[in-house]
Amino acid sequence: MPVNGSPRDADCAIALSFARNSIPDNRLSHTRSLSDCFKGDNLGTIKHINNAYSEEFDPGQPNNDIALKSMFCVDKYGTPLLAQWEICMARYQQSGAQWMTDALANQKLFCLWPPNRPAYRSIEVLEDAYRITQEKGWKRPLLLAHDYHMPRVAMLAQHFWPEFIIGFPTITRTFDPKAVQMMTTSARRWYEYEIKSRGHHLLYGYCFGHFQKGRF
């Protein structure tokens, strides 16, 4: 994706995850249930997920890379971050509880938790982020995503924000062979998945103009 601005031009940032090595998709509803049980205590939910397994939660290298770039935006520019939950898990592991506590208290971090079903689609992540940007009056989000994911993220983002920003020439191109989502384990599998996804988006009107047949 060509860069069309600088991170300093954004009034918020939206980080979408790419792969994960813990918690398969069929357990996402359990993750949502934990979030609901903690009643908005994002840090409490993150700590519980991180310690609920025999080994520490593993967000995978692509998400670690995206999380590092998101930290740069928050710490250098003070940009509020709306992050898919795997990115929040990576941020917690990278910077610790105190960073998370401060970011949440100062409304520099907003966690986007999955729905109560075995998928959290890119369009749903963006729609959840859109609700927050509407509440806060933010209009120019910086998009943070895997390089191979970014073209579709940008295509979907145009339905919500006319002034979204691509601020980095690259974020990460890493694939993770250990990922629980097979399409994120290699470039070949991702391209196979993308062909199907873009066909679906063309059929349902995600590609041009407004949504034609509903979003999901």
C-alpha atoms as a PDB file:
ATOM      1  CA  MET A   1       0.000   0.000   0.000  1.00  0.00           C
ATOM      2  CA  PRO A   2       1.373   3.474  -0.815  1.00  0.00           C
ATOM      3  CA  VAL A   3       1.921   5.760   2.157  1.00  0.00           C
ATOM      4  CA  ASN A   4      -0.588   8.631   2.094  1.00  0.00           C
ATOM      5  CA  GLY A   5       0.372  10.462   5.281  1.00  0.00           C
ATOM      6  CA  SER A   6       2.367  10.384   8.491  1.00  0.00           C
ATOM      7  CA  PRO A   7       1.449   8.831  11.856  1.00  0.00           C
ATOM      8  CA  ARG A   8       1.452  12.360  13.283  1.00  0.00           C
ATOM      9  CA  ASP A   9      -1.461  13.221  10.969  1.00  0.00           C
ATOM     10  CA  ALA A  10      -3.764  10.667  12.631  1.00  0.00           C
ATOM     11  CA  ASP A  11      -6.094  11.342  15.549  1.00  0.00           C
ATOM     12  CA  CYS A  12      -6.209   7.610  16.452  1.00  0.00           C
ATOM     13  CA  ALA A  13      -4.756   4.291  15.313  1.00  0.00           C
ATOM     14  CA  ILE A  14      -6.476   0.980  14.613  1.00  0.00           C
ATOM     15  CA  ALA A  15      -4.422  -2.218  14.892  1.00  0.00           C
ATOM     16  CA  LEU A  16      -5.720  -5.465  13.393  1.00  0.00           C
ATOM     17  CA  SER A  17      -4.184  -8.777  14.347  1.00  0.00           C
ATOM     18  CA  PHE A  18      -2.648 -11.368  12.038  1.00  0.00           C
ATOM     19  CA  ALA A  19      -2.552 -14.952  13.292  1.00  0.00           C
ATOM     20  CA  ARG A  20      -2.056 -16.181  16.863  1.00  0.00           C
ATOM     21  CA  ASN A  21      -0.429 -19.294  18.305  1.00  0.00           C
ATOM     22  CA  SER A  22      -2.799 -19.788  21.251  1.00  0.00           C
ATOM     23  CA  ILE A  23      -6.598 -20.201  21.414  1.00  0.00           C
ATOM     24  CA  PRO A  24      -8.103 -21.657  18.217  1.00  0.00           C
ATOM     25  CA  ASP A  25     -11.041 -19.917  16.589  1.00  0.00           C
ATOM     26  CA  ASN A  26     -13.513 -22.376  18.102  1.00  0.00           C
ATOM     27  CA  ARG A  27     -12.536 -21.008  21.538  1.00  0.00           C
ATOM     28  CA  LEU A  28     -13.088 -17.336  20.694  1.00  0.00           C
ATOM     29  CA  SER A  29     -16.529 -17.405  22.308  1.00  0.00           C
ATOM     30  CA  HIS A  30     -14.802 -18.381  25.566  1.00  0.00           C
ATOM     31  CA  THR A  31     -12.520 -15.374  25.211  1.00  0.00           C
ATOM     32  CA  ARG A  32     -15.563 -13.145  24.816  1.00  0.00           C
ATOM     33  CA  SER A  33     -17.169 -14.760  27.849  1.00  0.00           C
ATOM     34  CA  LEU A  34     -14.084 -13.918  29.908  1.00  0.00           C
ATOM     35  CA  SER A  35     -14.263 -10.313  28.756  1.00  0.00           C
ATOM     36  CA  ASP A  36     -17.924 -10.162  29.762  1.00  0.00           C
ATOM     37  CA  CYS A  37     -17.189 -11.772  33.142  1.00  0.00           C
ATOM     38  CA  PHE A  38     -14.590  -9.111  33.929  1.00  0.00           C
ATOM     39  CA  LYS A  39     -17.193  -6.422  33.093  1.00  0.00           C
ATOM     40  CA  GLY A  40     -14.991  -4.021  31.194  1.00  0.00           C
ATOM     41  CA  ASP A  41     -11.803  -4.685  33.191  1.00  0.00           C
ATOM     42  CA  ASN A  42      -9.557  -5.064  30.152  1.00  0.00           C
ATOM     43  CA  LEU A  43      -6.353  -5.524  32.130  1.00  0.00           C
ATOM     44  CA  GLY A  44      -7.961  -8.151  34.347  1.00  0.00           C
ATOM     45  CA  THR A  45      -9.152 -10.038  31.249  1.00  0.00           C
ATOM     46  CA  ILE A  46      -5.711  -9.823  29.639  1.00  0.00           C
ATOM     47  CA  LYS A  47      -3.957 -11.063  32.780  1.00  0.00           C
ATOM     48  CA  HIS A  48      -6.374 -13.978  33.104  1.00  0.00           C
ATOM     49  CA  ILE A  49      -5.959 -15.033  29.455  1.00  0.00           C
ATOM     50  CA  ASN A  50      -2.196 -14.701  29.711  1.00  0.00           C
ATOM     51  CA  ASN A  51      -2.041 -16.985  32.757  1.00  0.00           C
ATOM     52  CA  ALA A  52      -4.895 -19.376  32.003  1.00  0.00           C
ATOM     53  CA  TYR A  53      -2.780 -21.865  30.054  1.00  0.00           C
ATOM     54  CA  SER A  54       0.100 -24.166  30.887  1.00  0.00           C
ATOM     55  CA  GLU A  55       2.293 -21.838  28.830  1.00  0.00           C
ATOM     56  CA  GLU A  56       2.042 -18.069  28.445  1.00  0.00           C
ATOM     57  CA  PHE A  57      -0.342 -16.898  25.739  1.00  0.00           C
ATOM     58  CA  ASP A  58       1.523 -16.679  22.432  1.00  0.00           C
ATOM     59  CA  PRO A  59       0.242 -13.931  20.103  1.00  0.00           C
ATOM     60  CA  GLY A  60       2.715 -14.937  17.379  1.00  0.00           C
ATOM     61  CA  GLN A  61       5.490 -12.934  15.748  1.00  0.00           C
ATOM     62  CA  PRO A  62       3.302 -10.976  13.284  1.00  0.00           C
ATOM     63  CA  ASN A  63       1.198  -9.616  16.159  1.00  0.00           C
ATOM     64  CA  ASN A  64       4.322  -8.831  18.169  1.00  0.00           C
ATOM     65  CA  ASP A  65       5.576  -6.778  15.215  1.00  0.00           C
ATOM     66  CA  ILE A  66       2.271  -4.922  14.833  1.00  0.00           C
ATOM     67  CA  ALA A  67       2.169  -4.302  18.595  1.00  0.00           C
ATOM     68  CA  LEU A  68       5.633  -2.749  18.569  1.00  0.00           C
ATOM     69  CA  LYS A  69       4.605  -0.376  15.800  1.00  0.00           C
ATOM     70  CA  SER A  70       1.467   0.528  17.742  1.00  0.00           C
ATOM     71  CA  MET A  71       3.542   1.259  20.851  1.00  0.00           C
ATOM     72  CA  PHE A  72       5.622   3.663  18.786  1.00  0.00           C
ATOM     73  CA  CYS A  73       2.462   5.559  17.821  1.00  0.00           C
ATOM     74  CA  VAL A  74       1.185   5.786  21.397  1.00  0.00           C
ATOM     75  CA  ASP A  75       4.495   6.635  23.041  1.00  0.00           C
ATOM     76  CA  LYS A  76       5.920   8.993  20.393  1.00  0.00           C
ATOM     77  CA  TYR A  77       2.781  10.758  19.167  1.00  0.00           C
ATOM     78  CA  GLY A  78       0.299  10.111  21.983  1.00  0.00           C
ATOM     79  CA  THR A  79      -2.077   8.527  19.494  1.00  0.00           C
ATOM     80  CA  PRO A  80      -5.039   6.655  21.026  1.00  0.00           C
ATOM     81  CA  LEU A  81      -4.890   3.003  19.979  1.00  0.00           C
ATOM     82  CA  LEU A  82      -7.904   0.840  19.170  1.00  0.00           C
ATOM     83  CA  ALA A  83      -6.438  -2.650  19.081  1.00  0.00           C
ATOM     84  CA  GLN A  84      -7.758  -6.115  18.364  1.00  0.00           C
ATOM     85  CA  TRP A  85      -7.372  -8.244  21.472  1.00  0.00           C
ATOM     86  CA  GLU A  86      -4.341 -10.247  20.267  1.00  0.00           C
ATOM     87  CA  ILE A  87      -2.441  -6.969  19.842  1.00  0.00           C
ATOM     88  CA  CYS A  88      -3.422  -5.989  23.390  1.00  0.00           C
ATOM     89  CA  MET A  89      -2.054  -9.309  24.635  1.00  0.00           C
ATOM     90  CA  ALA A  90       1.227  -8.664  22.811  1.00  0.00           C
ATOM     91  CA  ARG A  91       1.426  -5.119  24.220  1.00  0.00           C
ATOM     92  CA  TYR A  92       0.939  -6.462  27.739  1.00  0.00           C
ATOM     93  CA  GLN A  93       3.760  -8.962  27.306  1.00  0.00           C
ATOM     94  CA  GLN A  94       6.070  -6.371  25.773  1.00  0.00           C
ATOM     95  CA  SER A  95       5.533  -3.472  28.176  1.00  0.00           C
ATOM     96  CA  GLY A  96       3.936  -4.951  31.289  1.00  0.00           C
ATOM     97  CA  ALA A  97       0.945  -4.171  33.469  1.00  0.00           C
ATOM     98  CA  GLN A  98       1.920  -0.617  34.360  1.00  0.00           C
ATOM     99  CA  TRP A  99       2.037   0.517  30.735  1.00  0.00           C
ATOM    100  CA  MET A 100      -1.357  -1.073  30.161  1.00  0.00           C
ATOM    101  CA  THR A 101      -2.788   0.479  33.324  1.00  0.00           C
ATOM    102  CA  ASP A 102      -1.647   3.963  32.304  1.00  0.00           C
ATOM    103  CA  ALA A 103      -2.749   3.584  28.682  1.00  0.00           C
ATOM    104  CA  LEU A 104      -6.208   2.349  29.665  1.00  0.00           C
ATOM    105  CA  ALA A 105      -6.674   4.984  32.368  1.00  0.00           C
ATOM    106  CA  ASN A 106      -5.656   7.789  29.985  1.00  0.00           C
ATOM    107  CA  GLN A 107      -7.819   6.412  27.161  1.00  0.00           C
ATOM    108  CA  LYS A 108      -4.780   5.751  25.003  1.00  0.00           C
ATOM    109  CA  LEU A 109      -5.776   2.093  24.580  1.00  0.00           C
ATOM    110  CA  PHE A 110      -9.137   0.562  23.674  1.00  0.00           C
ATOM    111  CA  CYS A 111      -9.368  -3.244  23.450  1.00  0.00           C
ATOM    112  CA  LEU A 112     -11.521  -4.803  20.728  1.00  0.00           C
ATOM    113  CA  TRP A 113     -12.798  -8.186  21.919  1.00  0.00           C
ATOM    114  CA  PRO A 114     -14.172 -10.916  19.627  1.00  0.00           C
ATOM    115  CA  PRO A 115     -17.892 -11.655  19.326  1.00  0.00           C
ATOM    116  CA  ASN A 116     -19.494 -14.726  20.839  1.00  0.00           C
ATOM    117  CA  ARG A 117     -18.823 -16.945  17.809  1.00  0.00           C
ATOM    118  CA  PRO A 118     -15.784 -18.639  16.214  1.00  0.00           C
ATOM    119  CA  ALA A 119     -14.628 -15.736  14.019  1.00  0.00           C
ATOM    120  CA  TYR A 120     -13.714 -12.070  14.344  1.00  0.00           C
ATOM    121  CA  ARG A 121     -13.650 -10.795  10.787  1.00  0.00           C
ATOM    122  CA  SER A 122     -11.723  -7.764   9.651  1.00  0.00           C
ATOM    123  CA  ILE A 123     -14.942  -5.942   8.779  1.00  0.00           C
ATOM    124  CA  GLU A 124     -16.257  -6.581  12.301  1.00  0.00           C
ATOM    125  CA  VAL A 125     -13.049  -5.305  13.892  1.00  0.00           C
ATOM    126  CA  LEU A 126     -13.310  -2.120  11.838  1.00  0.00           C
ATOM    127  CA  GLU A 127     -16.975  -1.697  12.659  1.00  0.00           C
ATOM    128  CA  ASP A 128     -16.259  -2.038  16.390  1.00  0.00           C
ATOM    129  CA  ALA A 129     -13.468   0.503  16.029  1.00  0.00           C
ATOM    130  CA  TYR A 130     -15.785   2.794  14.063  1.00  0.00           C
ATOM    131  CA  ARG A 131     -18.265   2.930  16.944  1.00  0.00           C
ATOM    132  CA  ILE A 132     -15.512   4.174  19.248  1.00  0.00           C
ATOM    133  CA  THR A 133     -14.250   6.738  16.744  1.00  0.00           C
ATOM    134  CA  GLN A 134     -17.803   8.042  16.384  1.00  0.00           C
ATOM    135  CA  GLU A 135     -18.135   8.429  20.145  1.00  0.00           C
ATOM    136  CA  LYS A 136     -14.777  10.227  20.390  1.00  0.00           C
ATOM    137  CA  GLY A 137     -15.095  12.333  17.262  1.00  0.00           C
ATOM    138  CA  TRP A 138     -11.985  10.841  15.652  1.00  0.00           C
ATOM    139  CA  LYS A 139     -11.994  11.012  11.855  1.00  0.00           C
ATOM    140  CA  ARG A 140      -8.457  10.173  10.647  1.00  0.00           C
ATOM    141  CA  PRO A 141      -7.381   6.725  11.868  1.00  0.00           C
ATOM    142  CA  LEU A 142      -3.936   5.344  11.161  1.00  0.00           C
ATOM    143  CA  LEU A 143      -4.297   1.749   9.946  1.00  0.00           C
ATOM    144  CA  LEU A 144      -1.871  -0.818  11.391  1.00  0.00           C
ATOM    145  CA  ALA A 145      -1.961  -4.289   9.851  1.00  0.00           C
ATOM    146  CA  HIS A 146       0.210  -6.968   8.298  1.00  0.00           C
ATOM    147  CA  ASP A 147       1.543  -5.838   4.914  1.00  0.00           C
ATOM    148  CA  TYR A 148      -0.288  -8.651   3.095  1.00  0.00           C
ATOM    149  CA  HIS A 149      -3.501  -7.848   4.975  1.00  0.00           C
ATOM    150  CA  MET A 150      -3.364  -4.074   4.547  1.00  0.00           C
ATOM    151  CA  PRO A 151      -4.840  -3.811   1.009  1.00  0.00           C
ATOM    152  CA  ARG A 152      -8.064  -5.496   2.126  1.00  0.00           C
ATOM    153  CA  VAL A 153      -8.121  -3.563   5.413  1.00  0.00           C
ATOM    154  CA  ALA A 154      -7.847  -0.305   3.469  1.00  0.00           C
ATOM    155  CA  MET A 155     -10.558  -1.408   1.046  1.00  0.00           C
ATOM    156  CA  LEU A 156     -12.929  -2.050   3.952  1.00  0.00           C
ATOM    157  CA  ALA A 157     -11.889   1.050   5.892  1.00  0.00           C
ATOM    158  CA  GLN A 158     -13.059   3.315   3.070  1.00  0.00           C
ATOM    159  CA  HIS A 159     -16.650   2.501   4.053  1.00  0.00           C
ATOM    160  CA  PHE A 160     -16.121   4.037   7.488  1.00  0.00           C
ATOM    161  CA  TRP A 161     -13.483   6.771   7.245  1.00  0.00           C
ATOM    162  CA  PRO A 162     -12.847   8.898   4.144  1.00  0.00           C
ATOM    163  CA  GLU A 163      -9.524  10.125   5.556  1.00  0.00           C
ATOM    164  CA  PHE A 164      -7.825   6.972   6.870  1.00  0.00           C
ATOM    165  CA  ILE A 165      -4.025   7.076   6.856  1.00  0.00           C
ATOM    166  CA  ILE A 166      -1.417   4.573   5.688  1.00  0.00           C
ATOM    167  CA  GLY A 167       1.557   5.965   7.583  1.00  0.00           C
ATOM    168  CA  PHE A 168       4.266   3.294   7.274  1.00  0.00           C
ATOM    169  CA  PRO A 169       5.740   1.818   4.082  1.00  0.00           C
ATOM    170  CA  THR A 170       5.939  -1.531   5.884  1.00  0.00           C
ATOM    171  CA  ILE A 171       4.825  -2.932   9.235  1.00  0.00           C
ATOM    172  CA  THR A 172       5.571  -6.668   8.998  1.00  0.00           C
ATOM    173  CA  ARG A 173       5.676  -9.382   6.351  1.00  0.00           C
ATOM    174  CA  THR A 174       6.319 -12.234   8.768  1.00  0.00           C
ATOM    175  CA  PHE A 175       4.268 -15.419   8.589  1.00  0.00           C
ATOM    176  CA  ASP A 176       4.062 -17.841  11.499  1.00  0.00           C
ATOM    177  CA  PRO A 177       4.094 -21.594  10.725  1.00  0.00           C
ATOM    178  CA  LYS A 178       2.772 -22.285  14.263  1.00  0.00           C
ATOM    179  CA  ALA A 179      -0.341 -20.132  13.881  1.00  0.00           C
ATOM    180  CA  VAL A 180      -3.697 -21.723  14.695  1.00  0.00           C
ATOM    181  CA  GLN A 181      -5.236 -20.043  11.624  1.00  0.00           C
ATOM    182  CA  MET A 182      -3.861 -21.933   8.636  1.00  0.00           C
ATOM    183  CA  MET A 183      -4.148 -19.029   6.195  1.00  0.00           C
ATOM    184  CA  THR A 184      -1.584 -17.062   8.211  1.00  0.00           C
ATOM    185  CA  THR A 185       1.105 -19.753   8.245  1.00  0.00           C
ATOM    186  CA  SER A 186       2.604 -18.936   4.836  1.00  0.00           C
ATOM    187  CA  ALA A 187       2.318 -16.517   1.935  1.00  0.00           C
ATOM    188  CA  ARG A 188       0.901 -19.237  -0.315  1.00  0.00           C
ATOM    189  CA  ARG A 189      -1.910 -20.087   2.102  1.00  0.00           C
ATOM    190  CA  TRP A 190      -2.637 -16.388   2.574  1.00  0.00           C
ATOM    191  CA  TYR A 191      -2.999 -15.782  -1.159  1.00  0.00           C
ATOM    192  CA  GLU A 192      -5.370 -18.754  -1.415  1.00  0.00           C
ATOM    193  CA  TYR A 193      -7.464 -17.287   1.395  1.00  0.00           C
ATOM    194  CA  GLU A 194      -7.362 -13.767  -0.075  1.00  0.00           C
ATOM    195  CA  ILE A 195      -8.786 -14.915  -3.392  1.00  0.00           C
ATOM    196  CA  LYS A 196     -11.828 -16.302  -1.578  1.00  0.00           C
ATOM    197  CA  SER A 197     -12.157 -13.263   0.697  1.00  0.00           C
ATOM    198  CA  ARG A 198     -12.018 -10.752  -2.111  1.00  0.00           C
ATOM    199  CA  GLY A 199     -14.504 -12.800  -4.130  1.00  0.00           C
ATOM    200  CA  HIS A 200     -16.858 -12.696  -1.147  1.00  0.00           C
ATOM    201  CA  HIS A 201     -16.354  -8.942  -0.744  1.00  0.00           C
ATOM    202  CA  LEU A 202     -17.039  -8.348  -4.441  1.00  0.00           C
ATOM    203  CA  LEU A 203     -20.222 -10.428  -4.250  1.00  0.00           C
ATOM    204  CA  TYR A 204     -21.533  -8.559  -1.199  1.00  0.00           C
ATOM    205  CA  GLY A 205     -20.562  -5.091  -2.379  1.00  0.00           C
ATOM    206  CA  TYR A 206     -17.683  -4.453   0.027  1.00  0.00           C
ATOM    207  CA  CYS A 207     -15.381  -3.394  -2.805  1.00  0.00           C
ATOM    208  CA  PHE A 208     -17.175  -0.471  -4.410  1.00  0.00           C
ATOM    209  CA  GLY A 209     -19.469   2.168  -2.987  1.00  0.00           C
ATOM    210  CA  HIS A 210     -21.701   1.219  -0.065  1.00  0.00           C
ATOM    211  CA  PHE A 211     -22.459  -2.223   1.275  1.00  0.00           C
ATOM    212  CA  GLN A 212     -25.182  -3.766  -0.877  1.00  0.00           C
ATOM    213  CA  LYS A 213     -26.388  -6.830   1.008  1.00  0.00           C
ATOM    214  CA  GLY A 214     -25.454  -6.369   4.618  1.00  0.00           C
ATOM    215  CA  ARG A 215     -22.084  -6.626   6.264  1.00  0.00           C
ATOM    216  CA  PHE A 216     -21.976 -10.185   7.570  1.00  0.00           C
END
